[in-house]
C-alpha cells in the first residue's frame, strides 16, 4: 500500500511545484512591464480563480465516479463518466465565453472603478479570460486522468507547458531580434497557448487509455445526476472559501498596510506547506475510489490513515523549517523590520498546526472519494464565517492584535475543521459492513 500511495502522491506534489513555478515565471516576465501590468494580471487572476471553482467542482464530481468505475473494471462506465465531464465542461466554457464577451469590462469595473486601469487589464482579459475554456478542460481532464491512477502524465504535461510558456513569454513580452514584443497581450497569449497545448496532450493521453473519442457522442449519460450531486457541494465549498477570503482580506487591509503586506508574504510562504497534503490527498482520493469500485472496503480506512500519516511527516518537516528559519524566509520578500517581525510570528504559529492543516486536505479528499461532499461544505462554511472572519474582526480589529490575531483565528479554524473531518472519517469507516451495504446498494 505504501508504494501505491507514494507512486500517486509524489508526481502530484511535483506537479504542484511546477504550477507554482509557472506562476512565478509569469510574474517575473510581467514585472518587466511595470506595476500596472502586474496589478492587471492580478485582477484577472481573481476572475479566473472564481471560474476555476466551477471547473474543480466538475472535475471532482466526474472523478469520484470515474475512479469507482475504473476500480470495477467497467470501461463502458468510465467512458460514460468522461463523456459527461467533457460535455458539462464544454457547456460551462461556452456560457462563460458569452459572459466574458458581453460583460468583460463590467466584471473588471466591479473590482476597480479606475477606467484607465481597466482598459489595460482588459487587454489581458481578452486573451486569457475570454478563452477560459482552455483552463476549464485542462482542470477537468487532469482530474479524470488522476482518478484513473495516472498522476505522472499530468505532471509531465505541466512540465512541457512550463517550457512552452517560458519560451513564449520571452519572445512575446521581451521580444527577439527585430520583434519588440507586445507587452501584456503577449503574456496572455503565452498563457492561453500553453494551456491549449496542455489540453491537446491530456486529450491524447486520456484517449490512449480509454479510447473515449471513438465512442464519444454529444449525449449526456445516465450517471449525470449523480455527478452533479457530487459537484455542486464541492463548487459551493470553493465559492464560500473564495468569498470568505475576500472578506477577511478586506478586514486585514483595514488593520494597516504593513499587516496586509505581511499577510500576503506569510500566505505565499505557507502555500508551500500545502503541497504534500495536496499530493497525498489525490492519492487518497484515487485509491479509495478504486477500492469502492473493487468492493475492497477493508482497505479504505487504511488508505485514509496512511496517506494522512505520510503527509503529516512531510508537513512537520516543512513546519520545522518555518519555525526555525521564519526571519530568513520573511527577509526574502522584504527588508522592513516590522513586517519581518509579523511574518516571523505568523509562520511560527502556523508551524504548530501542520497536522490539522494536513487533515483539511487529505481527510477531506478521502471523504470526497466516499461521496461525502456535504460535510466538508458545512464545515468550511462554519469555519470561514464564524471562526476565521469573526475571529479576524474580534482579535485583529477590536482587541488590537492585528495580523497575529488574524492568524490565530486561522489556526483555530484549521484545528476545528481538521479535527471534525478526522472524526467524521473514522465514523464513516469504522464498519466495513456499513460501507459494503452503502456502496454495493448504490452501484446496483
Protein backbone atom coordinates (compact mmCIF):
# COMPACT_ATOMS: atom_id res chain seq x y z
CA UNK A 1 0.00 0.00 0.00
CA UNK A 2 2.87 2.37 0.83
CA UNK A 3 4.30 2.03 -2.68
CA UNK A 4 0.89 2.70 -4.27
CA UNK A 5 0.43 5.84 -2.19
CA UNK A 6 3.85 7.29 -2.97
CA UNK A 7 3.55 6.35 -6.65
CA UNK A 8 0.47 8.58 -6.89
CA UNK A 9 1.44 11.29 -4.40
CA UNK A 10 4.98 12.20 -5.45
CA UNK A 11 4.15 13.10 -9.10
CA UNK A 12 1.22 15.18 -7.83
CA UNK A 13 3.49 17.07 -5.43
CA UNK A 14 5.99 17.71 -8.25
CA UNK A 15 3.14 18.88 -10.49
CA UNK A 16 2.03 21.37 -7.83
CA UNK A 17 5.59 22.68 -7.53
CA UNK A 18 5.71 23.11 -11.31
CA UNK A 19 2.39 25.01 -11.18
CA UNK A 20 3.89 27.43 -8.65
CA UNK A 21 6.98 27.80 -10.82
CA UNK A 22 4.76 28.54 -13.83
CA UNK A 23 3.04 31.32 -11.89
CA UNK A 24 6.38 32.67 -10.64
CA UNK A 25 7.86 32.78 -14.16
CA UNK A 26 4.79 34.62 -15.44
CA UNK A 27 5.11 37.14 -12.61
CA UNK A 28 8.82 37.61 -13.37
CA UNK A 29 8.25 38.43 -17.04
CA UNK A 30 5.15 40.57 -16.42
CA UNK A 31 7.09 42.52 -13.75
CA UNK A 32 9.35 43.84 -16.51
CA UNK A 33 6.29 45.68 -17.87
CA UNK A 34 5.73 47.64 -14.64
CA UNK A 35 3.45 47.66 -11.61
CA UNK A 36 0.29 48.40 -13.60
CA UNK A 37 0.81 45.24 -15.66
CA UNK A 38 1.34 43.17 -12.50
CA UNK A 39 -1.86 44.57 -10.99
CA UNK A 40 -3.76 43.99 -14.25
CA UNK A 41 -2.77 40.31 -14.26
CA UNK A 42 -3.64 40.07 -10.55
CA UNK A 43 -7.16 41.42 -11.10
CA UNK A 44 -7.74 38.97 -13.95
CA UNK A 45 -6.47 36.16 -11.73
CA UNK A 46 -9.26 36.94 -9.24
CA UNK A 47 -11.84 36.39 -12.00
CA UNK A 48 -10.03 33.31 -13.27
CA UNK A 49 -9.97 31.80 -9.77
CA UNK A 50 -13.72 32.32 -9.45
CA UNK A 51 -14.31 30.40 -12.69
CA UNK A 52 -11.82 27.78 -11.55
CA UNK A 53 -14.11 26.82 -8.66
CA UNK A 54 -16.69 25.55 -11.17
CA UNK A 55 -14.11 23.53 -13.10
CA UNK A 56 -12.69 21.99 -9.93
CA UNK A 57 -16.24 21.04 -8.91
CA UNK A 58 -16.92 19.33 -12.26
CA UNK A 59 -13.53 17.61 -12.11
CA UNK A 60 -14.23 16.30 -8.62
CA UNK A 61 -17.75 15.12 -9.46
CA UNK A 62 -16.71 13.19 -12.56
CA UNK A 63 -13.55 11.85 -10.88
CA UNK A 64 -15.46 10.30 -7.96
CA UNK A 65 -17.49 8.22 -10.40
CA UNK A 66 -14.61 7.56 -12.81
CA UNK A 67 -12.35 6.18 -10.07
CA UNK A 68 -15.09 3.79 -8.93
CA UNK A 69 -15.89 2.68 -12.48
CA UNK A 70 -12.20 2.08 -13.15
CA UNK A 71 -11.98 0.09 -9.93
CA UNK A 72 -14.86 -2.07 -11.19
CA UNK A 73 -13.03 -2.57 -14.47
CA UNK A 74 -16.11 -1.22 -16.28
CA UNK A 75 -14.66 0.53 -19.36
CA UNK A 76 -18.10 1.46 -20.68
CA UNK A 77 -18.99 3.26 -17.45
CA UNK A 78 -15.59 5.01 -17.44
CA UNK A 79 -16.26 6.38 -20.94
CA UNK A 80 -19.76 7.49 -19.87
CA UNK A 81 -18.23 9.44 -16.98
CA UNK A 82 -15.66 11.05 -19.27
CA UNK A 83 -18.35 11.98 -21.80
CA UNK A 84 -20.50 13.66 -19.16
CA UNK A 85 -17.48 15.53 -17.78
CA UNK A 86 -16.43 16.82 -21.19
CA UNK A 87 -19.95 17.89 -22.19
CA UNK A 88 -20.58 19.73 -18.91
CA UNK A 89 -17.17 21.41 -19.21
CA UNK A 90 -18.00 22.45 -22.78
CA UNK A 91 -21.36 23.93 -21.76
CA UNK A 92 -19.82 25.86 -18.85
CA UNK A 93 -16.99 27.12 -21.06
CA UNK A 94 -19.47 28.31 -23.67
CA UNK A 95 -21.57 30.04 -21.00
CA UNK A 96 -18.54 31.79 -19.51
CA UNK A 97 -17.36 32.75 -23.01
CA UNK A 98 -20.66 34.55 -23.64
CA UNK A 99 -20.49 36.28 -20.25
CA UNK A 100 -16.90 37.34 -20.85
CA UNK A 101 -17.55 38.70 -24.35
CA UNK A 102 -20.56 40.80 -23.37
CA UNK A 103 -19.78 41.66 -19.73
CA UNK A 104 -15.99 41.61 -19.64
CA UNK A 105 -15.31 45.25 -18.80
CA UNK A 106 -18.24 45.23 -16.41
CA UNK A 107 -16.63 42.40 -14.44
CA UNK A 108 -13.38 44.36 -14.20
CA UNK A 109 -15.26 47.51 -13.13
CA UNK A 110 -16.80 45.57 -10.24
CA UNK A 111 -13.27 45.20 -8.86
CA UNK A 112 -11.97 48.71 -9.62
CA UNK A 113 -13.52 51.93 -10.94
CA UNK A 114 -10.25 53.15 -12.46
CA UNK A 115 -11.18 53.21 -16.16
CA UNK A 116 -7.63 53.69 -17.43
CA UNK A 117 -6.51 50.68 -15.39
CA UNK A 118 -9.49 48.64 -16.62
CA UNK A 119 -8.50 49.41 -20.22
CA UNK A 120 -5.05 47.92 -19.53
CA UNK A 121 -6.47 44.91 -17.65
CA UNK A 122 -8.96 44.25 -20.46
CA UNK A 123 -6.10 43.57 -22.89
CA UNK A 124 -5.08 40.59 -20.76
CA UNK A 125 -8.74 39.67 -20.18
CA UNK A 126 -9.34 39.33 -23.94
CA UNK A 127 -6.62 36.72 -24.47
CA UNK A 128 -6.82 34.79 -21.18
CA UNK A 129 -10.26 35.11 -19.55
CA UNK A 130 -12.43 35.14 -22.69
CA UNK A 131 -10.95 31.78 -23.84
CA UNK A 132 -11.25 30.40 -20.28
CA UNK A 133 -12.21 27.03 -21.78
CA UNK A 134 -8.52 26.14 -22.06
CA UNK A 135 -8.21 26.31 -18.25
CA UNK A 136 -11.55 24.50 -17.89
CA UNK A 137 -10.54 21.49 -19.96
CA UNK A 138 -7.03 21.31 -18.50
CA UNK A 139 -8.51 21.18 -14.99
CA UNK A 140 -11.18 18.57 -15.72
CA UNK A 141 -9.07 16.35 -17.99
CA UNK A 142 -6.22 16.33 -15.48
CA UNK A 143 -8.63 15.34 -12.68
CA UNK A 144 -10.04 12.46 -14.74
CA UNK A 145 -6.60 11.12 -15.64
CA UNK A 146 -5.53 11.22 -11.98
CA UNK A 147 -8.70 9.38 -10.97
CA UNK A 148 -7.64 6.57 -13.31
CA UNK A 149 -4.48 6.15 -11.25
CA UNK A 150 -2.11 8.13 -13.50
CA UNK A 151 -0.55 11.15 -11.80
CA UNK A 152 2.67 11.09 -13.86
CA UNK A 153 1.07 12.19 -17.14
CA UNK A 154 -0.43 15.43 -15.73
CA UNK A 155 2.95 16.14 -14.10
CA UNK A 156 4.81 15.70 -17.41
CA UNK A 157 2.16 17.80 -19.18
CA UNK A 158 2.65 20.69 -16.76
CA UNK A 159 6.42 20.40 -17.22
CA UNK A 160 6.02 20.66 -21.00
CA UNK A 161 3.70 23.66 -20.85
CA UNK A 162 6.08 25.32 -18.39
CA UNK A 163 8.82 25.19 -21.01
CA UNK A 164 6.48 26.41 -23.76
CA UNK A 165 5.20 29.22 -21.55
CA UNK A 166 8.73 30.42 -20.69
CA UNK A 167 9.75 30.47 -24.37
CA UNK A 168 6.58 32.31 -25.42
CA UNK A 169 6.84 34.76 -22.50
CA UNK A 170 10.40 35.62 -23.52
CA UNK A 171 9.51 36.10 -27.19
CA UNK A 172 6.13 37.81 -26.84
CA UNK A 173 6.90 40.05 -23.84
CA UNK A 174 10.59 40.90 -24.19
CA UNK A 175 10.87 40.41 -27.95
CA UNK A 176 13.51 38.78 -30.09
CA UNK A 177 15.52 40.20 -32.98
CA UNK A 178 13.54 42.94 -34.76
CA UNK A 179 10.36 41.90 -32.91
CA UNK A 180 9.94 44.18 -29.86
CA UNK A 181 7.29 42.17 -28.03
CA UNK A 182 3.64 43.01 -27.46
CA UNK A 183 3.57 43.56 -23.71
CA UNK A 184 0.73 42.31 -21.55
CA UNK A 185 -1.13 40.87 -24.55
CA UNK A 186 1.94 38.73 -25.21
CA UNK A 187 1.85 37.48 -21.62
CA UNK A 188 -1.77 36.46 -22.07
CA UNK A 189 -1.18 34.74 -25.41
CA UNK A 190 1.69 32.75 -23.87
CA UNK A 191 -0.61 31.56 -21.07
CA UNK A 192 -3.52 30.62 -23.33
CA UNK A 193 -1.42 28.89 -25.99
CA UNK A 194 0.39 26.89 -23.30
CA UNK A 195 -2.93 25.79 -21.81
CA UNK A 196 -4.30 24.87 -25.24
CA UNK A 197 -1.27 22.66 -25.91
CA UNK A 198 -1.76 21.14 -22.45
CA UNK A 199 -5.38 20.30 -23.33
CA UNK A 200 -4.31 18.57 -26.55
CA UNK A 201 -1.70 16.49 -24.70
CA UNK A 202 -4.17 15.49 -21.97
CA UNK A 203 -6.85 14.53 -24.52
CA UNK A 204 -4.30 12.33 -26.30
CA UNK A 205 -3.27 10.66 -23.01
CA UNK A 206 -6.87 10.10 -21.89
CA UNK A 207 -7.93 8.71 -25.26
CA UNK A 208 -4.90 6.46 -25.42
CA UNK A 209 -6.01 4.89 -22.14
CA UNK A 210 -9.79 4.77 -22.64
CA UNK A 211 -10.48 5.20 -26.41
CA UNK A 212 -13.27 7.59 -25.41
CA UNK A 213 -13.13 9.57 -28.69
CA UNK A 214 -14.22 6.55 -30.77
CA UNK A 215 -17.29 6.11 -28.56
CA UNK A 216 -17.96 9.82 -27.97
CA UNK A 217 -21.34 11.37 -28.77
CA UNK A 218 -23.00 14.65 -27.84
CA UNK A 219 -25.36 12.96 -25.42
CA UNK A 220 -25.40 13.10 -21.64
CA UNK A 221 -25.26 9.73 -19.91
CA UNK A 222 -27.39 8.30 -17.13
CA UNK A 223 -24.95 8.99 -14.27
CA UNK A 224 -25.12 12.77 -14.86
CA UNK A 225 -27.43 13.40 -11.91
CA UNK A 226 -25.10 11.62 -9.50
CA UNK A 227 -22.10 13.51 -10.89
CA UNK A 228 -23.82 16.87 -10.45
CA UNK A 229 -24.91 15.83 -6.96
CA UNK A 230 -21.25 15.49 -6.02
CA UNK A 231 -20.05 18.53 -7.99
CA UNK A 232 -22.44 21.17 -6.60
CA UNK A 233 -21.39 20.90 -2.91
CA UNK A 234 -17.71 20.93 -3.93
CA UNK A 235 -18.31 24.06 -6.02
CA UNK A 236 -20.26 25.75 -3.22
CA UNK A 237 -17.47 24.94 -0.76
CA UNK A 238 -14.88 26.60 -3.03
CA UNK A 239 -17.10 29.65 -3.60
CA UNK A 240 -17.72 30.05 0.14
CA UNK A 241 -13.96 29.83 0.68
CA UNK A 242 -13.23 32.45 -2.02
CA UNK A 243 -15.83 34.90 -0.73
CA UNK A 244 -14.63 34.42 2.82
CA UNK A 245 -11.04 35.07 1.76
CA UNK A 246 -12.08 38.31 0.07
CA UNK A 247 -13.94 39.49 3.17
CA UNK A 248 -11.27 38.75 5.73
CA UNK A 249 -8.69 40.08 3.27
CA UNK A 250 -10.51 43.42 3.31
CA UNK A 251 -10.62 43.29 7.13
CA UNK A 252 -6.85 42.77 7.24
CA UNK A 253 -6.35 45.67 4.83
CA UNK A 254 -8.30 47.92 7.22
CA UNK A 255 -5.89 46.99 10.03
CA UNK A 256 -2.99 48.54 8.14
CA UNK A 257 -0.89 48.23 5.02
CA UNK A 258 2.05 46.57 6.80
CA UNK A 259 -0.23 43.95 8.28
CA UNK A 260 -1.77 43.32 4.85
CA UNK A 261 1.66 43.06 3.23
CA UNK A 262 2.79 40.69 5.99
CA UNK A 263 -0.33 38.60 5.48
CA UNK A 264 0.38 38.23 1.76
CA UNK A 265 4.02 37.32 2.37
CA UNK A 266 3.10 34.75 5.03
CA UNK A 267 0.43 33.29 2.74
CA UNK A 268 2.90 32.99 -0.13
CA UNK A 269 5.38 31.11 2.07
CA UNK A 270 2.70 28.98 3.73
CA UNK A 271 1.39 27.82 0.32
CA UNK A 272 4.39 25.52 0.07
CA UNK A 273 3.27 23.59 3.15
CA UNK A 274 0.08 22.60 1.29
CA UNK A 275 1.97 20.79 -1.48
CA UNK A 276 2.45 17.42 0.32
CA UNK A 277 -1.15 17.45 1.58
CA UNK A 278 -2.49 18.14 -1.90
CA UNK A 279 -0.39 15.33 -3.39
CA UNK A 280 -1.33 12.76 -0.75
CA UNK A 281 -4.93 13.96 -0.92
CA UNK A 282 -5.02 13.00 -4.61
CA UNK A 283 -3.52 9.61 -3.73
CA UNK A 284 -6.17 9.04 -1.06
CA UNK A 285 -8.98 10.14 -3.40
CA UNK A 286 -7.86 7.84 -6.23
CA UNK A 287 -7.12 4.76 -4.14
CA UNK A 288 -10.33 4.99 -2.09
CA UNK A 289 -12.39 5.46 -5.27
CA UNK A 290 -10.82 2.37 -6.79
CA UNK A 291 -11.32 0.38 -3.58
CA UNK A 292 -15.04 1.20 -3.65
CA UNK A 293 -15.24 0.11 -7.30
CA UNK A 294 -13.42 -3.13 -6.45
CA UNK A 295 -15.67 -3.62 -3.36
CA UNK A 296 -12.44 -3.83 -1.36
CA UNK A 297 -13.80 -1.99 1.68
CA UNK A 298 -11.19 -3.37 4.08
CA UNK A 299 -8.56 -1.03 2.60
CA UNK A 300 -10.44 2.26 2.82
CA UNK A 301 -9.66 3.12 6.43
CA UNK A 302 -6.02 2.09 5.95
CA UNK A 303 -5.65 4.27 2.84
CA UNK A 304 -7.05 7.35 4.58
CA UNK A 305 -4.90 6.95 7.67
CA UNK A 306 -1.69 6.08 5.83
CA UNK A 307 -1.95 8.99 3.39
CA UNK A 308 -2.63 11.28 6.34
CA UNK A 309 0.36 9.89 8.25
CA UNK A 310 2.84 10.21 5.39
CA UNK A 311 1.59 13.67 4.50
CA UNK A 312 1.90 14.78 8.13
CA UNK A 313 5.54 13.65 8.20
CA UNK A 314 6.31 15.85 5.21
CA UNK A 315 4.39 18.80 6.61
CA UNK A 316 6.03 18.56 10.02
CA UNK A 317 9.40 18.90 8.30
CA UNK A 318 8.14 21.97 6.44
CA UNK A 319 6.64 23.32 9.67
CA UNK A 320 10.01 22.90 11.41
CA UNK A 321 11.67 24.89 8.63
CA UNK A 322 9.04 27.60 9.02
CA UNK A 323 9.61 27.75 12.78
CA UNK A 324 13.41 27.78 12.70
CA UNK A 325 14.02 29.93 9.62
CA UNK A 326 10.97 32.22 9.79
CA UNK A 327 13.00 35.50 9.92
CA UNK A 328 15.17 34.44 6.99
CA UNK A 329 12.15 33.37 4.91
CA UNK A 330 10.41 36.69 5.60
CA UNK A 331 13.61 38.54 4.69
CA UNK A 332 13.48 37.12 1.16
CA UNK A 333 10.40 39.22 0.46
CA UNK A 334 11.02 42.41 2.48
CA UNK A 335 13.63 44.33 4.45
CA UNK A 336 11.06 46.13 6.61
CA UNK A 337 11.80 45.09 10.26
CA UNK A 338 8.17 45.36 11.39
CA UNK A 339 6.85 43.23 8.53
CA UNK A 340 9.60 40.67 9.15
CA UNK A 341 8.61 40.57 12.83
CA UNK A 342 4.94 40.00 11.98
CA UNK A 343 5.64 37.32 9.36
CA UNK A 344 8.03 35.53 11.73
CA UNK A 345 5.38 35.26 14.44
CA UNK A 346 2.73 34.16 11.93
CA UNK A 347 4.90 31.42 10.40
CA UNK A 348 5.74 30.08 13.85
CA UNK A 349 2.04 30.00 14.76
CA UNK A 350 1.06 28.00 11.68
CA UNK A 351 4.09 25.69 12.04
CA UNK A 352 2.44 24.28 15.17
CA UNK A 353 -0.78 23.35 13.36
CA UNK A 354 0.53 21.34 10.38
CA UNK A 355 -1.23 18.05 11.34
CA UNK A 356 -4.62 19.83 11.37
CA UNK A 357 -3.82 21.61 8.10
CA UNK A 358 -3.00 18.21 6.64
CA UNK A 359 -6.37 16.85 7.73
CA UNK A 360 -8.25 19.65 5.93
CA UNK A 361 -6.67 18.41 2.69
CA UNK A 362 -6.06 14.66 2.92
CA UNK A 363 -9.03 13.59 5.06
CA UNK A 364 -11.34 15.97 3.17
CA UNK A 365 -10.23 14.30 -0.09
CA UNK A 366 -10.83 10.89 1.48
CA UNK A 367 -14.38 11.88 2.40
CA UNK A 368 -14.99 13.23 -1.10
CA UNK A 369 -13.89 9.89 -2.54
CA UNK A 370 -16.50 8.27 -0.28
CA UNK A 371 -19.06 10.64 -1.77
CA UNK A 372 -19.42 12.55 1.50
CA UNK A 373 -19.25 16.02 -0.06
CA UNK A 374 -21.83 17.84 2.10
CA UNK A 375 -19.98 17.54 5.40
CA UNK A 376 -16.82 19.37 4.21
CA UNK A 377 -19.13 22.05 2.76
CA UNK A 378 -20.83 22.63 6.12
CA UNK A 379 -17.51 22.70 7.97
CA UNK A 380 -15.93 25.14 5.52
CA UNK A 381 -18.91 27.48 5.74
CA UNK A 382 -18.90 27.47 9.54
CA UNK A 383 -15.12 27.64 9.82
CA UNK A 384 -14.68 30.51 7.39
CA UNK A 385 -17.58 32.68 8.53
CA UNK A 386 -17.87 32.01 12.27
CA UNK A 387 -14.26 31.32 13.19
CA UNK A 388 -11.94 32.94 10.65
CA UNK A 389 -13.89 36.09 9.70
CA UNK A 390 -15.43 36.65 13.15
CA UNK A 391 -12.09 35.90 14.78
CA UNK A 392 -10.31 38.35 12.48
CA UNK A 393 -12.82 41.04 13.38
CA UNK A 394 -12.65 40.42 17.14
CA UNK A 395 -8.97 39.55 17.64
CA UNK A 396 -7.46 41.50 14.77
CA UNK A 397 -9.55 44.69 14.87
CA UNK A 398 -11.44 45.05 18.13
CA UNK A 399 -8.82 43.65 20.53
CA UNK A 400 -5.93 45.13 18.55
CA UNK A 401 -3.84 42.02 17.96
CA UNK A 402 -3.60 42.85 14.25
CA UNK A 403 -2.12 40.23 11.94
CA UNK A 404 -1.28 37.97 14.89
CA UNK A 405 -4.98 37.83 15.81
CA UNK A 406 -5.86 37.10 12.18
CA UNK A 407 -3.61 34.05 12.04
CA UNK A 408 -4.66 32.83 15.47
CA UNK A 409 -8.20 32.79 14.07
CA UNK A 410 -6.92 30.90 11.03
CA UNK A 411 -5.19 28.35 13.29
CA UNK A 412 -8.43 27.86 15.27
CA UNK A 413 -10.36 27.35 12.01
CA UNK A 414 -7.85 24.78 10.73
CA UNK A 415 -7.87 22.95 14.09
CA UNK A 416 -11.67 22.91 14.23
CA UNK A 417 -12.16 21.62 10.69
CA UNK A 418 -9.22 19.22 10.76
CA UNK A 419 -10.41 17.57 13.99
CA UNK A 420 -14.03 17.16 12.90
CA UNK A 421 -13.02 15.84 9.47
CA UNK A 422 -10.88 13.20 11.18
CA UNK A 423 -13.75 12.20 13.50
CA UNK A 424 -16.11 12.01 10.51
CA UNK A 425 -13.75 9.77 8.53
CA UNK A 426 -13.32 7.41 11.48
CA UNK A 427 -17.08 7.22 11.89
CA UNK A 428 -17.65 6.53 8.18
CA UNK A 429 -15.03 3.77 8.01
CA UNK A 430 -15.38 2.08 11.42
CA UNK A 431 -17.54 -0.71 9.97
CA UNK A 432 -16.66 -2.42 6.70
CA UNK A 433 -20.13 -3.94 6.67
CA UNK A 434 -21.77 -0.48 6.67
CA UNK A 435 -19.52 0.58 3.79
CA UNK A 436 -20.29 -2.60 1.91
CA UNK A 437 -24.06 -2.13 2.17
CA UNK A 438 -23.90 1.57 1.29
CA UNK A 439 -21.76 1.34 -1.84
CA UNK A 440 -22.91 -2.02 -3.19
CA UNK A 441 -26.54 -0.81 -2.98
CA UNK A 442 -25.51 2.47 -4.61
CA UNK A 443 -23.83 0.80 -7.57
CA UNK A 444 -26.54 -1.82 -8.14
